[in-house]
Amino acid sequence: RDNYDYQEVMVRAQAGIDFNRKGMDISQSFGSSSSYARKYALNGL
């Protein structure tokens, strides 16, 4: 709160969510898209 003595580097990535993906319920679809986007953000960083 009182100290902003830091540096950061940020990368972001996106992945679409398919609500009707066969064999997955909605939480699995969100989780799959999250994992994919996170992996590609790390790839970029």
PDB file of all heavy atoms in Angstrom:
ATOM      1  N   ARG A   1       0.815  -1.222   0.000  1.00  0.00           N
ATOM      2  CA  ARG A   1       0.000   0.000   0.000  1.00  0.00           C
ATOM      3  C   ARG A   1       0.846   1.269   0.000  1.00  0.00           C
ATOM      4  O   ARG A   1       0.491   2.256  -0.644  1.00  0.00           O
ATOM      5  CB  ARG A   1      -0.918  -0.049   1.211  1.00  0.00           C
ATOM      6  CG  ARG A   1      -1.910   1.049   1.239  1.00  0.00           C
ATOM      7  CD  ARG A   1      -2.899   0.988   2.347  1.00  0.00           C
ATOM      8  NE  ARG A   1      -2.735  -0.107   3.273  1.00  0.00           N
ATOM      9  CZ  ARG A   1      -3.607  -0.407   4.200  1.00  0.00           C
ATOM     10  NH1 ARG A   1      -4.702   0.300   4.312  1.00  0.00           N
ATOM     11  NH2 ARG A   1      -3.416  -1.410   5.033  1.00  0.00           N
ATOM     12  N   ASP A   2       1.957   1.267   0.722  1.00  0.00           N
ATOM     13  CA  ASP A   2       2.767   2.473   0.865  1.00  0.00           C
ATOM     14  C   ASP A   2       4.055   2.456   0.042  1.00  0.00           C
ATOM     15  O   ASP A   2       4.768   3.449   0.006  1.00  0.00           O
ATOM     16  CB  ASP A   2       3.133   2.675   2.344  1.00  0.00           C
ATOM     17  CG  ASP A   2       1.895   2.807   3.206  1.00  0.00           C
ATOM     18  OD1 ASP A   2       0.936   3.478   2.762  1.00  0.00           O
ATOM     19  OD2 ASP A   2       1.874   2.211   4.301  1.00  0.00           O
ATOM     20  N   ASN A   3       4.374   1.332  -0.577  1.00  0.00           N
ATOM     21  CA  ASN A   3       5.659   1.188  -1.247  1.00  0.00           C
ATOM     22  C   ASN A   3       5.451   0.639  -2.653  1.00  0.00           C
ATOM     23  O   ASN A   3       4.943  -0.456  -2.819  1.00  0.00           O
ATOM     24  CB  ASN A   3       6.556   0.242  -0.429  1.00  0.00           C
ATOM     25  CG  ASN A   3       7.913   0.060  -1.062  1.00  0.00           C
ATOM     26  OD1 ASN A   3       8.285   0.766  -1.990  1.00  0.00           O
ATOM     27  ND2 ASN A   3       8.650  -0.905  -0.560  1.00  0.00           N
ATOM     28  N   TYR A   4       5.854   1.399  -3.631  1.00  0.00           N
ATOM     29  CA  TYR A   4       5.717   0.954  -5.013  1.00  0.00           C
ATOM     30  C   TYR A   4       7.093   0.807  -5.653  1.00  0.00           C
ATOM     31  O   TYR A   4       7.321   1.185  -6.788  1.00  0.00           O
ATOM     32  CB  TYR A   4       4.875   1.947  -5.811  1.00  0.00           C
ATOM     33  CG  TYR A   4       3.436   1.962  -5.372  1.00  0.00           C
ATOM     34  CD1 TYR A   4       2.986   2.891  -4.450  1.00  0.00           C
ATOM     35  CD2 TYR A   4       2.552   1.025  -5.868  1.00  0.00           C
ATOM     36  CE1 TYR A   4       1.656   2.894  -4.049  1.00  0.00           C
ATOM     37  CE2 TYR A   4       1.226   1.018  -5.465  1.00  0.00           C
ATOM     38  CZ  TYR A   4       0.790   1.960  -4.552  1.00  0.00           C
ATOM     39  OH  TYR A   4      -0.517   1.949  -4.143  1.00  0.00           O
ATOM     40  N   ASP A   5       8.026   0.240  -4.899  1.00  0.00           N
ATOM     41  CA  ASP A   5       9.393   0.066  -5.367  1.00  0.00           C
ATOM     42  C   ASP A   5       9.525  -1.302  -6.041  1.00  0.00           C
ATOM     43  O   ASP A   5      10.074  -2.231  -5.468  1.00  0.00           O
ATOM     44  CB  ASP A   5      10.357   0.186  -4.187  1.00  0.00           C
ATOM     45  CG  ASP A   5      11.810   0.191  -4.651  1.00  0.00           C
ATOM     46  OD1 ASP A   5      12.056   0.519  -5.828  1.00  0.00           O
ATOM     47  OD2 ASP A   5      12.674  -0.157  -3.832  1.00  0.00           O
ATOM     48  N   TYR A   6       8.969  -1.431  -7.226  1.00  0.00           N
ATOM     49  CA  TYR A   6       9.033  -2.701  -7.939  1.00  0.00           C
ATOM     50  C   TYR A   6       9.051  -2.433  -9.442  1.00  0.00           C
ATOM     51  O   TYR A   6       8.709  -1.348  -9.899  1.00  0.00           O
ATOM     52  CB  TYR A   6       7.854  -3.602  -7.574  1.00  0.00           C
ATOM     53  CG  TYR A   6       6.524  -3.115  -8.099  1.00  0.00           C
ATOM     54  CD1 TYR A   6       6.030  -3.588  -9.317  1.00  0.00           C
ATOM     55  CD2 TYR A   6       5.763  -2.184  -7.397  1.00  0.00           C
ATOM     56  CE1 TYR A   6       4.824  -3.133  -9.809  1.00  0.00           C
ATOM     57  CE2 TYR A   6       4.560  -1.742  -7.887  1.00  0.00           C
ATOM     58  CZ  TYR A   6       4.091  -2.219  -9.094  1.00  0.00           C
ATOM     59  OH  TYR A   6       2.899  -1.780  -9.586  1.00  0.00           O
ATOM     60  N   GLN A   7       9.472  -3.452 -10.167  1.00  0.00           N
ATOM     61  CA  GLN A   7       9.419  -3.434 -11.626  1.00  0.00           C
ATOM     62  C   GLN A   7       8.686  -4.679 -12.060  1.00  0.00           C
ATOM     63  O   GLN A   7       8.750  -5.721 -11.389  1.00  0.00           O
ATOM     64  CB  GLN A   7      10.816  -3.455 -12.236  1.00  0.00           C
ATOM     65  CG  GLN A   7      11.609  -2.199 -12.024  1.00  0.00           C
ATOM     66  CD  GLN A   7      12.928  -2.279 -12.784  1.00  0.00           C
ATOM     67  OE1 GLN A   7      13.623  -3.290 -12.741  1.00  0.00           O
ATOM     68  NE2 GLN A   7      13.263  -1.212 -13.486  1.00  0.00           N
ATOM     69  N   GLU A   8       8.002  -4.597 -13.188  1.00  0.00           N
ATOM     70  CA  GLU A   8       7.328  -5.782 -13.688  1.00  0.00           C
ATOM     71  C   GLU A   8       7.313  -5.804 -15.206  1.00  0.00           C
ATOM     72  O   GLU A   8       7.420  -4.766 -15.860  1.00  0.00           O
ATOM     73  CB  GLU A   8       5.908  -5.907 -13.129  1.00  0.00           C
ATOM     74  CG  GLU A   8       4.942  -4.865 -13.594  1.00  0.00           C
ATOM     75  CD  GLU A   8       3.553  -5.029 -12.976  1.00  0.00           C
ATOM     76  OE1 GLU A   8       3.429  -5.604 -11.881  1.00  0.00           O
ATOM     77  OE2 GLU A   8       2.592  -4.584 -13.605  1.00  0.00           O
ATOM     78  N   VAL A   9       7.205  -7.021 -15.710  1.00  0.00           N
ATOM     79  CA  VAL A   9       7.049  -7.260 -17.145  1.00  0.00           C
ATOM     80  C   VAL A   9       5.797  -8.116 -17.282  1.00  0.00           C
ATOM     81  O   VAL A   9       5.659  -9.122 -16.586  1.00  0.00           O
ATOM     82  CB  VAL A   9       8.269  -8.000 -17.732  1.00  0.00           C
ATOM     83  CG1 VAL A   9       8.064  -8.282 -19.210  1.00  0.00           C
ATOM     84  CG2 VAL A   9       9.545  -7.213 -17.503  1.00  0.00           C
ATOM     85  N   MET A  10       4.891  -7.705 -18.153  1.00  0.00           N
ATOM     86  CA  MET A  10       3.640  -8.428 -18.313  1.00  0.00           C
ATOM     87  C   MET A  10       3.430  -8.834 -19.773  1.00  0.00           C
ATOM     88  O   MET A  10       3.715  -8.061 -20.681  1.00  0.00           O
ATOM     89  CB  MET A  10       2.456  -7.571 -17.881  1.00  0.00           C
ATOM     90  CG  MET A  10       1.124  -8.297 -18.027  1.00  0.00           C
ATOM     91  SD  MET A  10      -0.307  -7.264 -17.670  1.00  0.00           S
ATOM     92  CE  MET A  10      -0.345  -6.199 -19.091  1.00  0.00           C
ATOM     93  N   VAL A  11       2.935 -10.055 -19.937  1.00  0.00           N
ATOM     94  CA  VAL A  11       2.541 -10.541 -21.257  1.00  0.00           C
ATOM     95  C   VAL A  11       1.154 -11.128 -21.116  1.00  0.00           C
ATOM     96  O   VAL A  11       0.828 -11.737 -20.098  1.00  0.00           O
ATOM     97  CB  VAL A  11       3.527 -11.620 -21.777  1.00  0.00           C
ATOM     98  CG1 VAL A  11       3.035 -12.240 -23.069  1.00  0.00           C
ATOM     99  CG2 VAL A  11       4.909 -11.025 -21.973  1.00  0.00           C
ATOM    100  N   ARG A  12       0.330 -10.952 -22.130  1.00  0.00           N
ATOM    101  CA  ARG A  12      -1.010 -11.541 -22.089  1.00  0.00           C
ATOM    102  C   ARG A  12      -1.274 -12.322 -23.360  1.00  0.00           C
ATOM    103  O   ARG A  12      -0.672 -12.072 -24.405  1.00  0.00           O
ATOM    104  CB  ARG A  12      -2.066 -10.484 -21.840  1.00  0.00           C
ATOM    105  CG  ARG A  12      -2.118  -9.412 -22.866  1.00  0.00           C
ATOM    106  CD  ARG A  12      -3.129  -8.367 -22.468  1.00  0.00           C
ATOM    107  NE  ARG A  12      -2.978  -7.205 -23.324  1.00  0.00           N
ATOM    108  CZ  ARG A  12      -3.601  -6.085 -23.141  1.00  0.00           C
ATOM    109  NH1 ARG A  12      -4.424  -5.953 -22.137  1.00  0.00           N
ATOM    110  NH2 ARG A  12      -3.413  -5.087 -23.949  1.00  0.00           N
ATOM    111  N   ALA A  13      -2.179 -13.274 -23.234  1.00  0.00           N
ATOM    112  CA  ALA A  13      -2.572 -14.102 -24.373  1.00  0.00           C
ATOM    113  C   ALA A  13      -4.051 -14.452 -24.215  1.00  0.00           C
ATOM    114  O   ALA A  13      -4.579 -14.440 -23.104  1.00  0.00           O
ATOM    115  CB  ALA A  13      -1.722 -15.376 -24.436  1.00  0.00           C
ATOM    116  N   GLN A  14      -4.690 -14.767 -25.316  1.00  0.00           N
ATOM    117  CA  GLN A  14      -6.117 -15.059 -25.306  1.00  0.00           C
ATOM    118  C   GLN A  14      -6.399 -16.440 -25.891  1.00  0.00           C
ATOM    119  O   GLN A  14      -5.638 -16.931 -26.723  1.00  0.00           O
ATOM    120  CB  GLN A  14      -6.901 -14.017 -26.129  1.00  0.00           C
ATOM    121  CG  GLN A  14      -6.754 -12.597 -25.656  1.00  0.00           C
ATOM    122  CD  GLN A  14      -5.470 -11.926 -26.109  1.00  0.00           C
ATOM    123  OE1 GLN A  14      -4.894 -12.261 -27.126  1.00  0.00           O
ATOM    124  NE2 GLN A  14      -5.009 -10.966 -25.329  1.00  0.00           N
ATOM    125  N   ALA A  15      -7.521 -17.000 -25.447  1.00  0.00           N
ATOM    126  CA  ALA A  15      -8.009 -18.262 -26.011  1.00  0.00           C
ATOM    127  C   ALA A  15      -9.527 -18.244 -25.961  1.00  0.00           C
ATOM    128  O   ALA A  15     -10.121 -17.892 -24.931  1.00  0.00           O
ATOM    129  CB  ALA A  15      -7.464 -19.459 -25.227  1.00  0.00           C
ATOM    130  N   GLY A  16     -10.141 -18.600 -27.070  1.00  0.00           N
ATOM    131  CA  GLY A  16     -11.597 -18.629 -27.145  1.00  0.00           C
ATOM    132  C   GLY A  16     -12.186 -19.725 -26.276  1.00  0.00           C
ATOM    133  O   GLY A  16     -11.536 -20.723 -25.971  1.00  0.00           O
ATOM    134  N   ILE A  17     -13.436 -19.516 -25.879  1.00  0.00           N
ATOM    135  CA  ILE A  17     -14.162 -20.506 -25.080  1.00  0.00           C
ATOM    136  C   ILE A  17     -15.271 -21.075 -25.945  1.00  0.00           C
ATOM    137  O   ILE A  17     -16.112 -20.333 -26.452  1.00  0.00           O
ATOM    138  CB  ILE A  17     -14.774 -19.865 -23.816  1.00  0.00           C
ATOM    139  CG1 ILE A  17     -13.684 -19.234 -22.962  1.00  0.00           C
ATOM    140  CG2 ILE A  17     -15.563 -20.905 -23.021  1.00  0.00           C
ATOM    141  CD1 ILE A  17     -14.217 -18.346 -21.849  1.00  0.00           C
ATOM    142  N   ASP A  18     -15.255 -22.384 -26.121  1.00  0.00           N
ATOM    143  CA  ASP A  18     -16.304 -23.068 -26.878  1.00  0.00           C
ATOM    144  C   ASP A  18     -17.286 -23.662 -25.867  1.00  0.00           C
ATOM    145  O   ASP A  18     -16.984 -24.647 -25.207  1.00  0.00           O
ATOM    146  CB  ASP A  18     -15.698 -24.158 -27.755  1.00  0.00           C
ATOM    147  CG  ASP A  18     -16.735 -24.879 -28.598  1.00  0.00           C
ATOM    148  OD1 ASP A  18     -17.944 -24.605 -28.452  1.00  0.00           O
ATOM    149  OD2 ASP A  18     -16.336 -25.727 -29.414  1.00  0.00           O
ATOM    150  N   PHE A  19     -18.448 -23.037 -25.744  1.00  0.00           N
ATOM    151  CA  PHE A  19     -19.440 -23.484 -24.762  1.00  0.00           C
ATOM    152  C   PHE A  19     -20.057 -24.829 -25.132  1.00  0.00           C
ATOM    153  O   PHE A  19     -20.636 -25.496 -24.289  1.00  0.00           O
ATOM    154  CB  PHE A  19     -20.558 -22.449 -24.624  1.00  0.00           C
ATOM    155  CG  PHE A  19     -20.074 -21.134 -24.085  1.00  0.00           C
ATOM    156  CD1 PHE A  19     -20.045 -20.003 -24.888  1.00  0.00           C
ATOM    157  CD2 PHE A  19     -19.634 -21.019 -22.780  1.00  0.00           C
ATOM    158  CE1 PHE A  19     -19.595 -18.797 -24.398  1.00  0.00           C
ATOM    159  CE2 PHE A  19     -19.175 -19.807 -22.271  1.00  0.00           C
ATOM    160  CZ  PHE A  19     -19.157 -18.693 -23.092  1.00  0.00           C
ATOM    161  N   ASN A  20     -19.941 -25.220 -26.379  1.00  0.00           N
ATOM    162  CA  ASN A  20     -20.577 -26.451 -26.847  1.00  0.00           C
ATOM    163  C   ASN A  20     -19.571 -27.525 -27.226  1.00  0.00           C
ATOM    164  O   ASN A  20     -19.880 -28.404 -28.028  1.00  0.00           O
ATOM    165  CB  ASN A  20     -21.477 -26.142 -28.056  1.00  0.00           C
ATOM    166  CG  ASN A  20     -22.550 -25.143 -27.710  1.00  0.00           C
ATOM    167  OD1 ASN A  20     -23.246 -25.304 -26.712  1.00  0.00           O
ATOM    168  ND2 ASN A  20     -22.672 -24.090 -28.505  1.00  0.00           N
ATOM    169  N   ARG A  21     -18.397 -27.471 -26.669  1.00  0.00           N
ATOM    170  CA  ARG A  21     -17.368 -28.454 -27.016  1.00  0.00           C
ATOM    171  C   ARG A  21     -17.806 -29.835 -26.552  1.00  0.00           C
ATOM    172  O   ARG A  21     -18.114 -30.044 -25.381  1.00  0.00           O
ATOM    173  CB  ARG A  21     -16.040 -28.081 -26.369  1.00  0.00           C
ATOM    174  CG  ARG A  21     -14.921 -28.951 -26.871  1.00  0.00           C
ATOM    175  CD  ARG A  21     -13.609 -28.303 -26.693  1.00  0.00           C
ATOM    176  NE  ARG A  21     -12.590 -29.186 -27.241  1.00  0.00           N
ATOM    177  CZ  ARG A  21     -11.318 -29.011 -27.075  1.00  0.00           C
ATOM    178  NH1 ARG A  21     -10.882 -27.982 -26.405  1.00  0.00           N
ATOM    179  NH2 ARG A  21     -10.460 -29.849 -27.597  1.00  0.00           N
ATOM    180  N   LYS A  22     -17.816 -30.752 -27.483  1.00  0.00           N
ATOM    181  CA  LYS A  22     -18.269 -32.108 -27.179  1.00  0.00           C
ATOM    182  C   LYS A  22     -17.360 -32.765 -26.160  1.00  0.00           C
ATOM    183  O   LYS A  22     -16.143 -32.645 -26.214  1.00  0.00           O
ATOM    184  CB  LYS A  22     -18.319 -32.948 -28.451  1.00  0.00           C
ATOM    185  CG  LYS A  22     -19.417 -32.513 -29.392  1.00  0.00           C
ATOM    186  CD  LYS A  22     -19.533 -33.439 -30.570  1.00  0.00           C
ATOM    187  CE  LYS A  22     -20.652 -32.954 -31.465  1.00  0.00           C
ATOM    188  NZ  LYS A  22     -20.877 -33.819 -32.585  1.00  0.00           N
ATOM    189  N   GLY A  23     -17.972 -33.478 -25.221  1.00  0.00           N
ATOM    190  CA  GLY A  23     -17.226 -34.215 -24.222  1.00  0.00           C
ATOM    191  C   GLY A  23     -16.783 -33.376 -23.041  1.00  0.00           C
ATOM    192  O   GLY A  23     -16.075 -33.868 -22.178  1.00  0.00           O
ATOM    193  N   MET A  24     -17.164 -32.090 -23.003  1.00  0.00           N
ATOM    194  CA  MET A  24     -16.754 -31.217 -21.888  1.00  0.00           C
ATOM    195  C   MET A  24     -17.972 -30.501 -21.327  1.00  0.00           C
ATOM    196  O   MET A  24     -18.819 -30.032 -22.085  1.00  0.00           O
ATOM    197  CB  MET A  24     -15.765 -30.141 -22.356  1.00  0.00           C
ATOM    198  CG  MET A  24     -14.400 -30.626 -22.678  1.00  0.00           C
ATOM    199  SD  MET A  24     -13.325 -29.194 -22.919  1.00  0.00           S
ATOM    200  CE  MET A  24     -11.806 -30.009 -23.299  1.00  0.00           C
ATOM    201  N   ASP A  25     -18.006 -30.381 -19.996  1.00  0.00           N
ATOM    202  CA  ASP A  25     -19.022 -29.508 -19.419  1.00  0.00           C
ATOM    203  C   ASP A  25     -18.463 -28.086 -19.429  1.00  0.00           C
ATOM    204  O   ASP A  25     -17.318 -27.855 -19.818  1.00  0.00           O
ATOM    205  CB  ASP A  25     -19.461 -29.974 -18.029  1.00  0.00           C
ATOM    206  CG  ASP A  25     -18.370 -29.874 -16.969  1.00  0.00           C
ATOM    207  OD1 ASP A  25     -17.428 -29.072 -17.138  1.00  0.00           O
ATOM    208  OD2 ASP A  25     -18.477 -30.596 -15.963  1.00  0.00           O
ATOM    209  N   ILE A  26     -19.260 -27.120 -18.988  1.00  0.00           N
ATOM    210  CA  ILE A  26     -18.873 -25.718 -19.115  1.00  0.00           C
ATOM    211  C   ILE A  26     -17.601 -25.394 -18.321  1.00  0.00           C
ATOM    212  O   ILE A  26     -16.750 -24.644 -18.790  1.00  0.00           O
ATOM    213  CB  ILE A  26     -20.044 -24.775 -18.738  1.00  0.00           C
ATOM    214  CG1 ILE A  26     -19.760 -23.340 -19.179  1.00  0.00           C
ATOM    215  CG2 ILE A  26     -20.353 -24.831 -17.261  1.00  0.00           C
ATOM    216  CD1 ILE A  26     -19.802 -23.139 -20.652  1.00  0.00           C
ATOM    217  N   SER A  27     -17.451 -25.971 -17.129  1.00  0.00           N
ATOM    218  CA  SER A  27     -16.250 -25.680 -16.335  1.00  0.00           C
ATOM    219  C   SER A  27     -15.001 -26.241 -17.007  1.00  0.00           C
ATOM    220  O   SER A  27     -13.934 -25.621 -16.972  1.00  0.00           O
ATOM    221  CB  SER A  27     -16.390 -26.220 -14.914  1.00  0.00           C
ATOM    222  OG  SER A  27     -16.538 -27.616 -14.925  1.00  0.00           O
ATOM    223  N   GLN A  28     -15.117 -27.402 -17.641  1.00  0.00           N
ATOM    224  CA  GLN A  28     -13.976 -27.974 -18.357  1.00  0.00           C
ATOM    225  C   GLN A  28     -13.611 -27.120 -19.566  1.00  0.00           C
ATOM    226  O   GLN A  28     -12.427 -26.942 -19.876  1.00  0.00           O
ATOM    227  CB  GLN A  28     -14.287 -29.402 -18.795  1.00  0.00           C
ATOM    228  CG  GLN A  28     -14.366 -30.371 -17.637  1.00  0.00           C
ATOM    229  CD  GLN A  28     -14.900 -31.725 -18.072  1.00  0.00           C
ATOM    230  OE1 GLN A  28     -15.841 -31.817 -18.872  1.00  0.00           O
ATOM    231  NE2 GLN A  28     -14.316 -32.782 -17.537  1.00  0.00           N
ATOM    232  N   SER A  29     -14.614 -26.581 -20.233  1.00  0.00           N
ATOM    233  CA  SER A  29     -14.354 -25.715 -21.384  1.00  0.00           C
ATOM    234  C   SER A  29     -13.617 -24.447 -20.957  1.00  0.00           C
ATOM    235  O   SER A  29     -12.645 -24.034 -21.594  1.00  0.00           O
ATOM    236  CB  SER A  29     -15.680 -25.367 -22.072  1.00  0.00           C
ATOM    237  OG  SER A  29     -15.442 -24.593 -23.216  1.00  0.00           O
ATOM    238  N   PHE A  30     -14.066 -23.844 -19.849  1.00  0.00           N
ATOM    239  CA  PHE A  30     -13.378 -22.666 -19.330  1.00  0.00           C
ATOM    240  C   PHE A  30     -11.960 -23.020 -18.899  1.00  0.00           C
ATOM    241  O   PHE A  30     -11.012 -22.295 -19.191  1.00  0.00           O
ATOM    242  CB  PHE A  30     -14.142 -22.066 -18.137  1.00  0.00           C
ATOM    243  CG  PHE A  30     -15.203 -21.080 -18.527  1.00  0.00           C
ATOM    244  CD1 PHE A  30     -16.413 -21.501 -19.032  1.00  0.00           C
ATOM    245  CD2 PHE A  30     -14.980 -19.721 -18.370  1.00  0.00           C
ATOM    246  CE1 PHE A  30     -17.390 -20.596 -19.385  1.00  0.00           C
ATOM    247  CE2 PHE A  30     -15.958 -18.804 -18.721  1.00  0.00           C
ATOM    248  CZ  PHE A  30     -17.172 -19.239 -19.226  1.00  0.00           C
ATOM    249  N   GLY A  31     -11.804 -24.146 -18.193  1.00  0.00           N
ATOM    250  CA  GLY A  31     -10.487 -24.564 -17.719  1.00  0.00           C
ATOM    251  C   GLY A  31      -9.523 -24.830 -18.860  1.00  0.00           C
ATOM    252  O   GLY A  31      -8.348 -24.456 -18.798  1.00  0.00           O
ATOM    253  N   SER A  32     -10.014 -25.474 -19.905  1.00  0.00           N
ATOM    254  CA  SER A  32      -9.181 -25.757 -21.074  1.00  0.00           C
ATOM    255  C   SER A  32      -8.709 -24.460 -21.731  1.00  0.00           C
ATOM    256  O   SER A  32      -7.527 -24.315 -22.073  1.00  0.00           O
ATOM    257  CB  SER A  32      -9.989 -26.604 -22.064  1.00  0.00           C
ATOM    258  OG  SER A  32      -9.277 -26.799 -23.250  1.00  0.00           O
ATOM    259  N   SER A  33      -9.618 -23.511 -21.886  1.00  0.00           N
ATOM    260  CA  SER A  33      -9.248 -22.230 -22.489  1.00  0.00           C
ATOM    261  C   SER A  33      -8.276 -21.465 -21.599  1.00  0.00           C
ATOM    262  O   SER A  33      -7.342 -20.836 -22.083  1.00  0.00           O
ATOM    263  CB  SER A  33     -10.503 -21.388 -22.757  1.00  0.00           C
ATOM    264  OG  SER A  33     -11.320 -22.027 -23.711  1.00  0.00           O
ATOM    265  N   SER A  34      -8.488 -21.525 -20.290  1.00  0.00           N
ATOM    266  CA  SER A  34      -7.581 -20.860 -19.345  1.00  0.00           C
ATOM    267  C   SER A  34      -6.176 -21.447 -19.447  1.00  0.00           C
ATOM    268  O   SER A  34      -5.187 -20.704 -19.530  1.00  0.00           O
ATOM    269  CB  SER A  34      -8.111 -21.003 -17.916  1.00  0.00           C
ATOM    270  OG  SER A  34      -7.156 -20.549 -16.988  1.00  0.00           O
ATOM    271  N   SER A  35      -6.076 -22.776 -19.437  1.00  0.00           N
ATOM    272  CA  SER A  35      -4.762 -23.424 -19.535  1.00  0.00           C
ATOM    273  C   SER A  35      -4.047 -23.034 -20.819  1.00  0.00           C
ATOM    274  O   SER A  35      -2.848 -22.757 -20.824  1.00  0.00           O
ATOM    275  CB  SER A  35      -4.913 -24.945 -19.483  1.00  0.00           C
ATOM    276  OG  SER A  35      -5.361 -25.356 -18.228  1.00  0.00           O
ATOM    277  N   TYR A  36      -4.795 -23.020 -21.919  1.00  0.00           N
ATOM    278  CA  TYR A  36      -4.218 -22.676 -23.219  1.00  0.00           C
ATOM    279  C   TYR A  36      -3.705 -21.233 -23.214  1.00  0.00           C
ATOM    280  O   TYR A  36      -2.568 -20.957 -23.610  1.00  0.00           O
ATOM    281  CB  TYR A  36      -5.280 -22.864 -24.308  1.00  0.00           C
ATOM    282  CG  TYR A  36      -4.748 -22.784 -25.706  1.00  0.00           C
ATOM    283  CD1 TYR A  36      -4.247 -23.904 -26.346  1.00  0.00           C
ATOM    284  CD2 TYR A  36      -4.759 -21.585 -26.409  1.00  0.00           C
ATOM    285  CE1 TYR A  36      -3.760 -23.834 -27.645  1.00  0.00           C
ATOM    286  CE2 TYR A  36      -4.280 -21.506 -27.700  1.00  0.00           C
ATOM    287  CZ  TYR A  36      -3.785 -22.632 -28.310  1.00  0.00           C
ATOM    288  OH  TYR A  36      -3.309 -22.556 -29.583  1.00  0.00           O
ATOM    289  N   ALA A  37      -4.527 -20.293 -22.727  1.00  0.00           N
ATOM    290  CA  ALA A  37      -4.126 -18.887 -22.711  1.00  0.00           C
ATOM    291  C   ALA A  37      -2.926 -18.676 -21.786  1.00  0.00           C
ATOM    292  O   ALA A  37      -1.989 -17.944 -22.122  1.00  0.00           O
ATOM    293  CB  ALA A  37      -5.300 -18.009 -22.278  1.00  0.00           C
ATOM    294  N   ARG A  38      -2.940 -19.338 -20.625  1.00  0.00           N
ATOM    295  CA  ARG A  38      -1.824 -19.202 -19.688  1.00  0.00           C
ATOM    296  C   ARG A  38      -0.527 -19.734 -20.293  1.00  0.00           C
ATOM    297  O   ARG A  38       0.534 -19.126 -20.160  1.00  0.00           O
ATOM    298  CB  ARG A  38      -2.136 -19.933 -18.380  1.00  0.00           C
ATOM    299  CG  ARG A  38      -3.152 -19.217 -17.531  1.00  0.00           C
ATOM    300  CD  ARG A  38      -3.564 -20.024 -16.322  1.00  0.00           C
ATOM    301  NE  ARG A  38      -4.431 -19.227 -15.478  1.00  0.00           N
ATOM    302  CZ  ARG A  38      -4.370 -19.208 -14.153  1.00  0.00           C
ATOM    303  NH1 ARG A  38      -3.507 -19.981 -13.519  1.00  0.00           N
ATOM    304  NH2 ARG A  38      -5.180 -18.439 -13.463  1.00  0.00           N
ATOM    305  N   LYS A  39      -0.615 -20.870 -20.963  1.00  0.00           N
ATOM    306  CA  LYS A  39       0.576 -21.451 -21.581  1.00  0.00           C
ATOM    307  C   LYS A  39       1.165 -20.493 -22.612  1.00  0.00           C
ATOM    308  O   LYS A  39       2.382 -20.281 -22.660  1.00  0.00           O
ATOM    309  CB  LYS A  39       0.229 -22.791 -22.238  1.00  0.00           C
ATOM    310  CG  LYS A  39       1.414 -23.442 -22.926  1.00  0.00           C
ATOM    311  CD  LYS A  39       1.082 -24.824 -23.414  1.00  0.00           C
ATOM    312  CE  LYS A  39       0.780 -24.815 -24.881  1.00  0.00           C
ATOM    313  NZ  LYS A  39       0.748 -26.151 -25.471  1.00  0.00           N
ATOM    314  N   TYR A  40       0.321 -19.868 -23.412  1.00  0.00           N
ATOM    315  CA  TYR A  40       0.834 -18.979 -24.439  1.00  0.00           C
ATOM    316  C   TYR A  40       1.290 -17.635 -23.878  1.00  0.00           C
ATOM    317  O   TYR A  40       2.196 -17.008 -24.443  1.00  0.00           O
ATOM    318  CB  TYR A  40      -0.152 -18.851 -25.597  1.00  0.00           C
ATOM    319  CG  TYR A  40      -0.020 -20.087 -26.450  1.00  0.00           C
ATOM    320  CD1 TYR A  40      -0.847 -21.186 -26.260  1.00  0.00           C
ATOM    321  CD2 TYR A  40       1.018 -20.205 -27.364  1.00  0.00           C
ATOM    322  CE1 TYR A  40      -0.671 -22.351 -26.984  1.00  0.00           C
ATOM    323  CE2 TYR A  40       1.204 -21.355 -28.095  1.00  0.00           C
ATOM    324  CZ  TYR A  40       0.357 -22.427 -27.902  1.00  0.00           C
ATOM    325  OH  TYR A  40       0.560 -23.577 -28.616  1.00  0.00           O
ATOM    326  N   ALA A  41       0.752 -17.203 -22.752  1.00  0.00           N
ATOM    327  CA  ALA A  41       1.294 -16.018 -22.084  1.00  0.00           C
ATOM    328  C   ALA A  41       2.705 -16.322 -21.573  1.00  0.00           C
ATOM    329  O   ALA A  41       3.625 -15.509 -21.727  1.00  0.00           O
ATOM    330  CB  ALA A  41       0.374 -15.581 -20.944  1.00  0.00           C
ATOM    331  N   LEU A  42       2.884 -17.505 -20.978  1.00  0.00           N
ATOM    332  CA  LEU A  42       4.214 -17.917 -20.524  1.00  0.00           C
ATOM    333  C   LEU A  42       5.171 -18.080 -21.701  1.00  0.00           C
ATOM    334  O   LEU A  42       6.343 -17.695 -21.615  1.00  0.00           O
ATOM    335  CB  LEU A  42       4.130 -19.215 -19.721  1.00  0.00           C
ATOM    336  CG  LEU A  42       3.439 -19.107 -18.365  1.00  0.00           C
ATOM    337  CD1 LEU A  42       3.178 -20.493 -17.791  1.00  0.00           C
ATOM    338  CD2 LEU A  42       4.258 -18.256 -17.415  1.00  0.00           C
ATOM    339  N   ASN A  43       4.687 -18.649 -22.805  1.00  0.00           N
ATOM    340  CA  ASN A  43       5.522 -18.773 -24.005  1.00  0.00           C
ATOM    341  C   ASN A  43       6.022 -17.408 -24.455  1.00  0.00           C
ATOM    342  O   ASN A  43       7.188 -17.248 -24.820  1.00  0.00           O
ATOM    343  CB  ASN A  43       4.742 -19.424 -25.153  1.00  0.00           C
ATOM    344  CG  ASN A  43       4.590 -20.909 -25.011  1.00  0.00           C
ATOM    345  OD1 ASN A  43       5.125 -21.525 -24.101  1.00  0.00           O
ATOM    346  ND2 ASN A  43       3.828 -21.508 -25.906  1.00  0.00           N
ATOM    347  N   GLY A  44       5.143 -16.414 -24.430  1.00  0.00           N
ATOM    348  CA  GLY A  44       5.531 -15.072 -24.841  1.00  0.00           C
ATOM    349  C   GLY A  44       6.513 -14.431 -23.882  1.00  0.00           C
ATOM    350  O   GLY A  44       7.488 -13.808 -24.299  1.00  0.00           O
ATOM    351  N   LEU A  45       6.272 -14.593 -22.593  1.00  0.00           N
ATOM    352  CA  LEU A  45       7.144 -13.986 -21.589  1.00  0.00           C
ATOM    353  C   LEU A  45       8.547 -14.583 -21.631  1.00  0.00           C
ATOM    354  O   LEU A  45       9.541 -13.867 -21.573  1.00  0.00           O
ATOM    355  CB  LEU A  45       6.533 -14.164 -20.193  1.00  0.00           C
ATOM    356  CG  LEU A  45       7.297 -13.551 -19.025  1.00  0.00           C
ATOM    357  CD1 LEU A  45       7.428 -12.033 -19.176  1.00  0.00           C
ATOM    358  CD2 LEU A  45       6.602 -13.891 -17.712  1.00  0.00           C
TER     359      LEU A  45
END
